[in-house]
């Protein structure tokens, strides 16, 4: 009976495991270089996601208080209640975000309220850190996110 049990137990052979490892290695060899060749695109996408997130927090601030923070109050108004300028009467306890992020290139986001493109303008100067630019150096702005 013991020998019958052993023959009924099935598992993966070493060759089957090696075939799977080789296939995974081939896939990794194809996919990883494609991801690593596009770090700048990943940074631009991260900036766009952060801008959208900040826009949502600004929208909640306005919903609670009836106005957007001023340029002087800046994005810091999303973390702690402003002490100067127009003081929000119904500021949410704990703020609207935990901390103000910096863009993927380590620079602060630029916030202007009122903005030239709407109630507020929110943007990053991108990798060159300067206004304008083309291609990979172009600014990432709330009013023209794709």
N, C-alpha and C. Protein backbone atom coordinates (compact mmCIF):
# COMPACT_ATOMS: atom_id res chain seq x y z
N UNK A 1 0.81 -1.20 0.00
CA UNK A 1 0.00 0.00 0.00
C UNK A 1 0.86 1.27 0.00
N UNK A 2 1.96 1.23 0.74
CA UNK A 2 2.80 2.42 0.77
C UNK A 2 3.33 2.78 -0.60
N UNK A 3 3.69 1.78 -1.39
CA UNK A 3 4.21 2.08 -2.72
C UNK A 3 3.13 2.65 -3.63
N UNK A 4 1.87 2.24 -3.44
CA UNK A 4 0.78 2.81 -4.23
C UNK A 4 0.60 4.29 -3.93
N UNK A 5 0.70 4.65 -2.67
CA UNK A 5 0.56 6.07 -2.30
C UNK A 5 1.63 6.93 -2.95
N UNK A 6 2.82 6.45 -2.94
CA UNK A 6 3.92 7.22 -3.51
C UNK A 6 3.74 7.44 -5.01
N UNK A 7 3.24 6.49 -5.70
CA UNK A 7 3.06 6.66 -7.14
C UNK A 7 1.90 7.59 -7.46
N UNK A 8 0.96 7.73 -6.55
CA UNK A 8 -0.17 8.62 -6.77
C UNK A 8 0.16 10.07 -6.44
N UNK A 9 1.21 10.31 -5.68
CA UNK A 9 1.60 11.68 -5.34
C UNK A 9 2.32 12.29 -6.53
N UNK A 10 1.88 13.44 -6.93
CA UNK A 10 2.48 14.09 -8.09
C UNK A 10 3.03 15.43 -7.66
N UNK A 11 4.05 15.89 -8.29
CA UNK A 11 4.66 17.17 -8.02
C UNK A 11 5.37 17.65 -9.27
N UNK A 12 6.03 18.76 -9.17
CA UNK A 12 6.77 19.28 -10.31
C UNK A 12 8.15 18.66 -10.33
N UNK A 13 8.61 18.33 -11.51
CA UNK A 13 9.97 17.82 -11.65
C UNK A 13 10.92 19.00 -11.75
N UNK A 14 12.17 18.71 -11.58
CA UNK A 14 13.19 19.75 -11.66
C UNK A 14 13.19 20.38 -13.06
N UNK A 15 12.97 19.60 -14.08
CA UNK A 15 12.96 20.12 -15.45
C UNK A 15 11.78 21.07 -15.65
N UNK A 16 10.62 20.74 -15.12
CA UNK A 16 9.46 21.63 -15.26
C UNK A 16 9.72 22.96 -14.57
N UNK A 17 10.31 22.90 -13.41
CA UNK A 17 10.63 24.14 -12.67
C UNK A 17 11.65 24.95 -13.45
N UNK A 18 12.66 24.28 -14.02
CA UNK A 18 13.69 24.99 -14.79
C UNK A 18 13.08 25.66 -16.03
N UNK A 19 12.14 25.01 -16.68
CA UNK A 19 11.48 25.59 -17.86
C UNK A 19 10.73 26.85 -17.47
N UNK A 20 10.01 26.82 -16.36
CA UNK A 20 9.28 28.00 -15.89
C UNK A 20 10.24 29.13 -15.56
N UNK A 21 11.35 28.82 -14.89
CA UNK A 21 12.34 29.85 -14.53
C UNK A 21 12.94 30.47 -15.80
N UNK A 22 13.23 29.66 -16.80
CA UNK A 22 13.78 30.18 -18.05
C UNK A 22 12.76 31.09 -18.75
N UNK A 23 11.51 30.68 -18.78
CA UNK A 23 10.47 31.51 -19.40
C UNK A 23 10.33 32.84 -18.67
N UNK A 24 10.31 32.80 -17.34
CA UNK A 24 10.24 34.05 -16.57
C UNK A 24 11.46 34.92 -16.83
N UNK A 25 12.62 34.32 -16.96
CA UNK A 25 13.84 35.08 -17.26
C UNK A 25 13.77 35.76 -18.61
N UNK A 26 13.24 35.05 -19.60
CA UNK A 26 13.10 35.64 -20.94
C UNK A 26 12.12 36.81 -20.90
N UNK A 27 10.98 36.62 -20.22
CA UNK A 27 10.01 37.70 -20.12
C UNK A 27 10.60 38.91 -19.40
N UNK A 28 11.33 38.66 -18.32
CA UNK A 28 11.96 39.77 -17.59
C UNK A 28 12.98 40.47 -18.47
N UNK A 29 13.70 39.72 -19.27
CA UNK A 29 14.68 40.31 -20.17
C UNK A 29 14.07 41.19 -21.23
N UNK A 30 12.83 40.92 -21.59
CA UNK A 30 12.14 41.73 -22.60
C UNK A 30 11.46 42.94 -21.96
N UNK A 31 10.78 42.75 -20.83
CA UNK A 31 9.96 43.79 -20.22
C UNK A 31 10.79 44.81 -19.44
N UNK A 32 11.72 44.37 -18.62
CA UNK A 32 12.46 45.28 -17.74
C UNK A 32 13.23 46.34 -18.52
N UNK A 33 13.96 46.00 -19.58
CA UNK A 33 14.65 47.08 -20.31
C UNK A 33 13.70 48.13 -20.87
N UNK A 34 12.51 47.71 -21.29
CA UNK A 34 11.55 48.68 -21.80
C UNK A 34 11.10 49.64 -20.70
N UNK A 35 10.94 49.15 -19.49
CA UNK A 35 10.55 50.01 -18.38
C UNK A 35 11.69 50.91 -17.96
N UNK A 36 12.90 50.38 -17.97
CA UNK A 36 14.05 51.16 -17.53
C UNK A 36 14.46 52.21 -18.54
N UNK A 37 14.09 52.03 -19.80
CA UNK A 37 14.43 53.01 -20.83
C UNK A 37 13.53 54.23 -20.77
N UNK A 38 12.53 54.22 -19.92
CA UNK A 38 11.56 55.31 -19.91
C UNK A 38 11.42 55.97 -18.53
N UNK A 39 12.51 56.24 -17.84
CA UNK A 39 12.37 56.85 -16.52
C UNK A 39 11.80 58.26 -16.56
N UNK A 40 12.12 59.01 -17.61
CA UNK A 40 11.62 60.38 -17.69
C UNK A 40 10.10 60.38 -17.91
N UNK A 41 9.62 59.45 -18.71
CA UNK A 41 8.19 59.33 -18.93
C UNK A 41 7.49 58.95 -17.62
N UNK A 42 8.13 58.09 -16.84
CA UNK A 42 7.56 57.70 -15.55
C UNK A 42 7.50 58.90 -14.60
N UNK A 43 8.53 59.74 -14.61
CA UNK A 43 8.53 60.94 -13.75
C UNK A 43 7.42 61.91 -14.17
N UNK A 44 7.25 62.09 -15.47
CA UNK A 44 6.20 62.99 -15.97
C UNK A 44 4.82 62.46 -15.58
N UNK A 45 4.64 61.16 -15.66
CA UNK A 45 3.36 60.56 -15.26
C UNK A 45 3.13 60.74 -13.77
N UNK A 46 4.17 60.56 -12.98
CA UNK A 46 4.05 60.76 -11.53
C UNK A 46 3.66 62.21 -11.22
N UNK A 47 4.27 63.16 -11.92
CA UNK A 47 3.94 64.58 -11.71
C UNK A 47 2.47 64.83 -12.04
N UNK A 48 1.99 64.25 -13.14
CA UNK A 48 0.59 64.44 -13.53
C UNK A 48 -0.34 63.85 -12.48
N UNK A 49 0.01 62.69 -11.94
CA UNK A 49 -0.82 62.06 -10.90
C UNK A 49 -0.83 62.92 -9.64
N UNK A 50 0.32 63.44 -9.26
CA UNK A 50 0.39 64.30 -8.07
C UNK A 50 -0.42 65.58 -8.28
N UNK A 51 -0.35 66.15 -9.46
CA UNK A 51 -1.12 67.37 -9.74
C UNK A 51 -2.61 67.07 -9.64
N UNK A 52 -3.05 65.96 -10.20
CA UNK A 52 -4.47 65.58 -10.10
C UNK A 52 -4.88 65.39 -8.64
N UNK A 53 -4.02 64.78 -7.86
CA UNK A 53 -4.31 64.57 -6.43
C UNK A 53 -4.41 65.90 -5.69
N UNK A 54 -3.51 66.82 -6.00
CA UNK A 54 -3.56 68.15 -5.38
C UNK A 54 -4.81 68.91 -5.82
N UNK A 55 -5.21 68.74 -7.08
CA UNK A 55 -6.44 69.36 -7.55
C UNK A 55 -7.65 68.86 -6.76
N UNK A 56 -7.67 67.57 -6.48
CA UNK A 56 -8.77 66.99 -5.69
C UNK A 56 -8.79 67.59 -4.28
N UNK A 57 -7.62 67.70 -3.66
CA UNK A 57 -7.54 68.28 -2.32
C UNK A 57 -7.96 69.75 -2.34
N UNK A 58 -7.56 70.48 -3.36
CA UNK A 58 -7.97 71.88 -3.49
C UNK A 58 -9.48 71.98 -3.67
N UNK A 59 -10.05 71.06 -4.42
CA UNK A 59 -11.51 71.03 -4.60
C UNK A 59 -12.23 70.79 -3.27
N UNK A 60 -11.70 69.90 -2.44
CA UNK A 60 -12.30 69.66 -1.12
C UNK A 60 -12.17 70.89 -0.23
N UNK A 61 -11.02 71.56 -0.30
CA UNK A 61 -10.81 72.80 0.46
C UNK A 61 -11.89 73.81 0.07
N UNK A 62 -12.10 73.98 -1.24
CA UNK A 62 -13.10 74.95 -1.70
C UNK A 62 -14.51 74.51 -1.30
N UNK A 63 -14.79 73.23 -1.39
CA UNK A 63 -16.11 72.72 -1.02
C UNK A 63 -16.42 73.04 0.45
N UNK A 64 -15.43 72.89 1.31
CA UNK A 64 -15.63 73.16 2.74
C UNK A 64 -15.68 74.65 3.04
N UNK A 65 -14.87 75.44 2.34
CA UNK A 65 -14.67 76.83 2.74
C UNK A 65 -15.18 77.88 1.77
N UNK A 66 -15.55 77.48 0.56
CA UNK A 66 -16.11 78.42 -0.40
C UNK A 66 -15.09 79.18 -1.23
N UNK A 67 -13.82 78.92 -1.06
CA UNK A 67 -12.78 79.59 -1.84
C UNK A 67 -11.53 78.71 -1.86
N UNK A 68 -10.66 78.99 -2.84
CA UNK A 68 -9.37 78.30 -2.91
C UNK A 68 -8.35 79.07 -2.08
N UNK A 69 -7.32 78.40 -1.58
CA UNK A 69 -6.26 79.14 -0.88
C UNK A 69 -5.64 80.17 -1.84
N UNK A 70 -5.16 81.26 -1.28
CA UNK A 70 -4.51 82.28 -2.09
C UNK A 70 -3.11 81.81 -2.48
N UNK A 71 -2.50 82.51 -3.41
CA UNK A 71 -1.13 82.20 -3.80
C UNK A 71 -0.21 82.28 -2.59
N UNK A 72 -0.41 83.32 -1.75
CA UNK A 72 0.44 83.47 -0.55
C UNK A 72 0.25 82.31 0.42
N UNK A 73 -0.97 81.84 0.59
CA UNK A 73 -1.21 80.70 1.48
C UNK A 73 -0.63 79.43 0.88
N UNK A 74 -0.70 79.32 -0.42
CA UNK A 74 -0.09 78.22 -1.14
C UNK A 74 -0.68 76.86 -0.82
N UNK A 75 0.01 75.84 -1.28
CA UNK A 75 -0.44 74.47 -1.05
C UNK A 75 -0.31 74.05 0.41
N UNK A 76 0.46 74.82 1.16
CA UNK A 76 0.60 74.53 2.60
C UNK A 76 -0.75 74.62 3.31
N UNK A 77 -1.68 75.39 2.72
CA UNK A 77 -3.01 75.52 3.29
C UNK A 77 -3.77 74.19 3.27
N UNK A 78 -3.30 73.25 2.47
CA UNK A 78 -3.94 71.93 2.44
C UNK A 78 -3.47 71.05 3.60
N UNK A 79 -2.38 71.43 4.23
CA UNK A 79 -1.80 70.65 5.33
C UNK A 79 -2.21 71.23 6.68
N UNK A 80 -2.15 72.55 6.78
CA UNK A 80 -2.52 73.21 8.04
C UNK A 80 -3.30 74.48 7.76
N UNK A 81 -4.18 74.81 8.68
CA UNK A 81 -5.06 75.96 8.52
C UNK A 81 -4.24 77.24 8.40
N UNK A 82 -4.51 78.04 7.35
CA UNK A 82 -3.79 79.30 7.18
C UNK A 82 -4.04 80.24 8.36
N UNK A 83 -3.00 80.98 8.71
CA UNK A 83 -3.12 81.94 9.80
C UNK A 83 -3.19 83.37 9.33
N UNK A 84 -3.05 83.57 8.02
CA UNK A 84 -3.11 84.93 7.47
C UNK A 84 -3.94 84.93 6.20
N UNK A 85 -4.27 86.11 5.74
CA UNK A 85 -5.12 86.23 4.56
C UNK A 85 -6.55 85.84 4.91
N UNK A 86 -7.27 85.33 3.97
CA UNK A 86 -8.64 84.89 4.21
C UNK A 86 -8.59 83.56 4.98
N UNK A 87 -9.10 83.59 6.20
CA UNK A 87 -9.05 82.41 7.09
C UNK A 87 -10.27 81.53 6.83
N UNK A 88 -10.06 80.26 6.52
CA UNK A 88 -11.20 79.37 6.28
C UNK A 88 -11.97 79.09 7.57
N UNK A 89 -13.29 79.23 7.51
CA UNK A 89 -14.13 79.05 8.70
C UNK A 89 -14.41 77.57 8.99
N UNK A 90 -14.46 76.75 7.95
CA UNK A 90 -14.80 75.33 8.15
C UNK A 90 -13.65 74.43 7.71
N UNK A 91 -12.46 74.75 8.15
CA UNK A 91 -11.28 73.98 7.79
C UNK A 91 -11.37 72.57 8.38
N UNK A 92 -11.11 71.57 7.58
CA UNK A 92 -11.20 70.17 8.01
C UNK A 92 -10.12 69.84 9.03
N UNK A 93 -10.50 69.23 10.14
CA UNK A 93 -9.53 68.81 11.16
C UNK A 93 -8.55 67.83 10.53
N UNK A 94 -7.27 68.06 10.69
CA UNK A 94 -6.26 67.19 10.10
C UNK A 94 -5.83 67.61 8.71
N UNK A 95 -6.46 68.63 8.16
CA UNK A 95 -6.09 69.12 6.84
C UNK A 95 -6.65 68.27 5.72
N UNK A 96 -6.17 68.50 4.53
CA UNK A 96 -6.68 67.84 3.33
C UNK A 96 -5.67 66.84 2.75
N UNK A 97 -4.40 67.01 3.09
CA UNK A 97 -3.35 66.06 2.75
C UNK A 97 -2.36 66.02 3.90
N UNK A 98 -1.56 64.97 3.97
CA UNK A 98 -0.60 64.84 5.08
C UNK A 98 0.60 65.77 4.91
N UNK A 99 1.10 65.89 3.68
CA UNK A 99 2.21 66.81 3.41
C UNK A 99 2.17 67.22 1.95
N UNK A 100 2.74 68.35 1.67
CA UNK A 100 2.78 68.86 0.29
C UNK A 100 3.93 68.14 -0.42
N UNK A 101 3.62 67.43 -1.51
CA UNK A 101 4.70 66.73 -2.21
C UNK A 101 5.54 67.69 -3.03
N UNK A 102 6.75 67.27 -3.32
CA UNK A 102 7.58 67.98 -4.30
C UNK A 102 7.45 67.20 -5.61
N UNK A 103 7.78 67.85 -6.70
CA UNK A 103 7.67 67.15 -7.99
C UNK A 103 8.75 66.06 -8.08
N UNK A 104 8.67 65.20 -9.06
CA UNK A 104 9.64 64.10 -9.18
C UNK A 104 11.08 64.54 -9.37
N UNK A 105 11.31 65.81 -9.64
CA UNK A 105 12.66 66.32 -9.79
C UNK A 105 13.12 67.08 -8.54
N UNK A 106 12.34 66.97 -7.47
CA UNK A 106 12.73 67.55 -6.19
C UNK A 106 12.39 69.01 -6.00
N UNK A 107 11.60 69.58 -6.89
CA UNK A 107 11.23 70.99 -6.80
C UNK A 107 9.79 71.14 -6.32
N UNK A 108 9.46 72.25 -5.66
CA UNK A 108 8.06 72.45 -5.25
C UNK A 108 7.16 72.73 -6.46
N UNK A 109 5.91 72.31 -6.33
CA UNK A 109 4.94 72.65 -7.36
C UNK A 109 4.61 74.13 -7.26
N UNK A 110 4.31 74.74 -8.39
CA UNK A 110 3.96 76.16 -8.43
C UNK A 110 2.44 76.25 -8.39
N UNK A 111 1.94 77.06 -7.44
CA UNK A 111 0.50 77.24 -7.26
C UNK A 111 0.19 78.73 -7.33
N UNK A 112 -0.72 79.10 -8.22
CA UNK A 112 -1.15 80.49 -8.36
C UNK A 112 -2.66 80.55 -8.28
N UNK A 113 -3.18 81.41 -7.41
CA UNK A 113 -4.62 81.56 -7.29
C UNK A 113 -4.94 83.03 -7.04
N UNK A 114 -5.71 83.67 -7.89
CA UNK A 114 -6.34 83.12 -9.09
C UNK A 114 -5.30 82.84 -10.17
N UNK A 115 -5.64 81.92 -11.05
CA UNK A 115 -4.72 81.52 -12.09
C UNK A 115 -5.05 82.14 -13.43
N UNK A 116 -4.14 82.06 -14.35
CA UNK A 116 -4.36 82.56 -15.70
C UNK A 116 -5.21 81.61 -16.53
N UNK A 117 -5.32 80.34 -16.07
CA UNK A 117 -6.05 79.32 -16.83
C UNK A 117 -7.27 78.80 -16.09
N UNK A 118 -7.70 79.50 -15.07
CA UNK A 118 -8.86 79.06 -14.30
C UNK A 118 -8.80 79.62 -12.88
N UNK A 119 -9.51 78.98 -11.96
CA UNK A 119 -9.51 79.46 -10.57
C UNK A 119 -8.12 79.40 -9.97
N UNK A 120 -7.34 78.41 -10.40
CA UNK A 120 -5.95 78.30 -9.94
C UNK A 120 -5.12 77.63 -11.02
N UNK A 121 -3.84 77.88 -11.00
CA UNK A 121 -2.88 77.20 -11.87
C UNK A 121 -1.96 76.39 -10.97
N UNK A 122 -1.72 75.17 -11.35
CA UNK A 122 -0.86 74.27 -10.58
C UNK A 122 0.04 73.57 -11.58
N UNK A 123 1.36 73.71 -11.40
CA UNK A 123 2.26 73.12 -12.39
C UNK A 123 3.65 72.87 -11.82
N UNK A 124 4.39 72.06 -12.59
CA UNK A 124 5.79 71.77 -12.32
C UNK A 124 6.58 72.26 -13.52
N UNK A 125 7.78 72.79 -13.27
CA UNK A 125 8.62 73.23 -14.37
C UNK A 125 9.31 72.07 -15.08
N UNK A 126 9.16 70.86 -14.58
CA UNK A 126 9.75 69.69 -15.22
C UNK A 126 11.21 69.53 -14.88
N UNK A 127 11.92 68.70 -15.64
CA UNK A 127 13.30 68.36 -15.30
C UNK A 127 14.29 69.52 -15.40
N UNK A 128 14.01 70.50 -16.26
CA UNK A 128 14.95 71.61 -16.40
C UNK A 128 14.76 72.68 -15.33
N UNK A 129 13.64 72.64 -14.59
CA UNK A 129 13.40 73.59 -13.51
C UNK A 129 13.13 75.01 -13.97
N UNK A 130 12.85 75.18 -15.27
CA UNK A 130 12.62 76.51 -15.82
C UNK A 130 11.28 76.55 -16.55
N UNK A 131 10.68 77.72 -16.57
CA UNK A 131 9.40 77.90 -17.25
C UNK A 131 9.53 77.60 -18.74
N UNK A 132 8.51 76.95 -19.27
CA UNK A 132 8.50 76.63 -20.69
C UNK A 132 9.24 75.33 -20.97
N UNK A 133 9.86 75.27 -22.08
CA UNK A 133 10.58 74.07 -22.47
C UNK A 133 9.77 73.24 -23.44
N UNK A 134 10.46 72.34 -24.12
CA UNK A 134 9.81 71.49 -25.11
C UNK A 134 10.18 70.04 -24.85
N UNK A 135 9.36 69.14 -25.37
CA UNK A 135 9.64 67.71 -25.23
C UNK A 135 9.70 67.29 -23.78
N UNK A 136 10.78 66.62 -23.41
CA UNK A 136 10.92 66.14 -22.03
C UNK A 136 11.10 67.28 -21.03
N UNK A 137 11.50 68.45 -21.48
CA UNK A 137 11.69 69.60 -20.59
C UNK A 137 10.44 70.47 -20.47
N UNK A 138 9.36 70.08 -21.11
CA UNK A 138 8.13 70.88 -21.06
C UNK A 138 7.54 70.86 -19.65
N UNK A 139 6.89 71.95 -19.30
CA UNK A 139 6.20 72.04 -18.01
C UNK A 139 5.04 71.06 -17.98
N UNK A 140 4.70 70.58 -16.78
CA UNK A 140 3.53 69.73 -16.59
C UNK A 140 2.54 70.59 -15.83
N UNK A 141 1.40 70.89 -16.45
CA UNK A 141 0.46 71.86 -15.89
C UNK A 141 -0.94 71.28 -15.77
N UNK A 142 -1.66 71.76 -14.76
CA UNK A 142 -3.02 71.27 -14.49
C UNK A 142 -3.97 71.53 -15.63
N UNK A 143 -3.77 72.54 -16.41
CA UNK A 143 -4.72 72.91 -17.46
C UNK A 143 -4.47 72.17 -18.78
N UNK A 144 -3.36 71.43 -18.88
CA UNK A 144 -3.15 70.71 -20.14
C UNK A 144 -2.68 69.27 -19.92
N UNK A 145 -3.15 68.65 -18.86
CA UNK A 145 -2.81 67.25 -18.64
C UNK A 145 -3.59 66.39 -19.63
N UNK A 146 -2.95 65.40 -20.15
CA UNK A 146 -3.62 64.50 -21.12
C UNK A 146 -4.37 63.40 -20.42
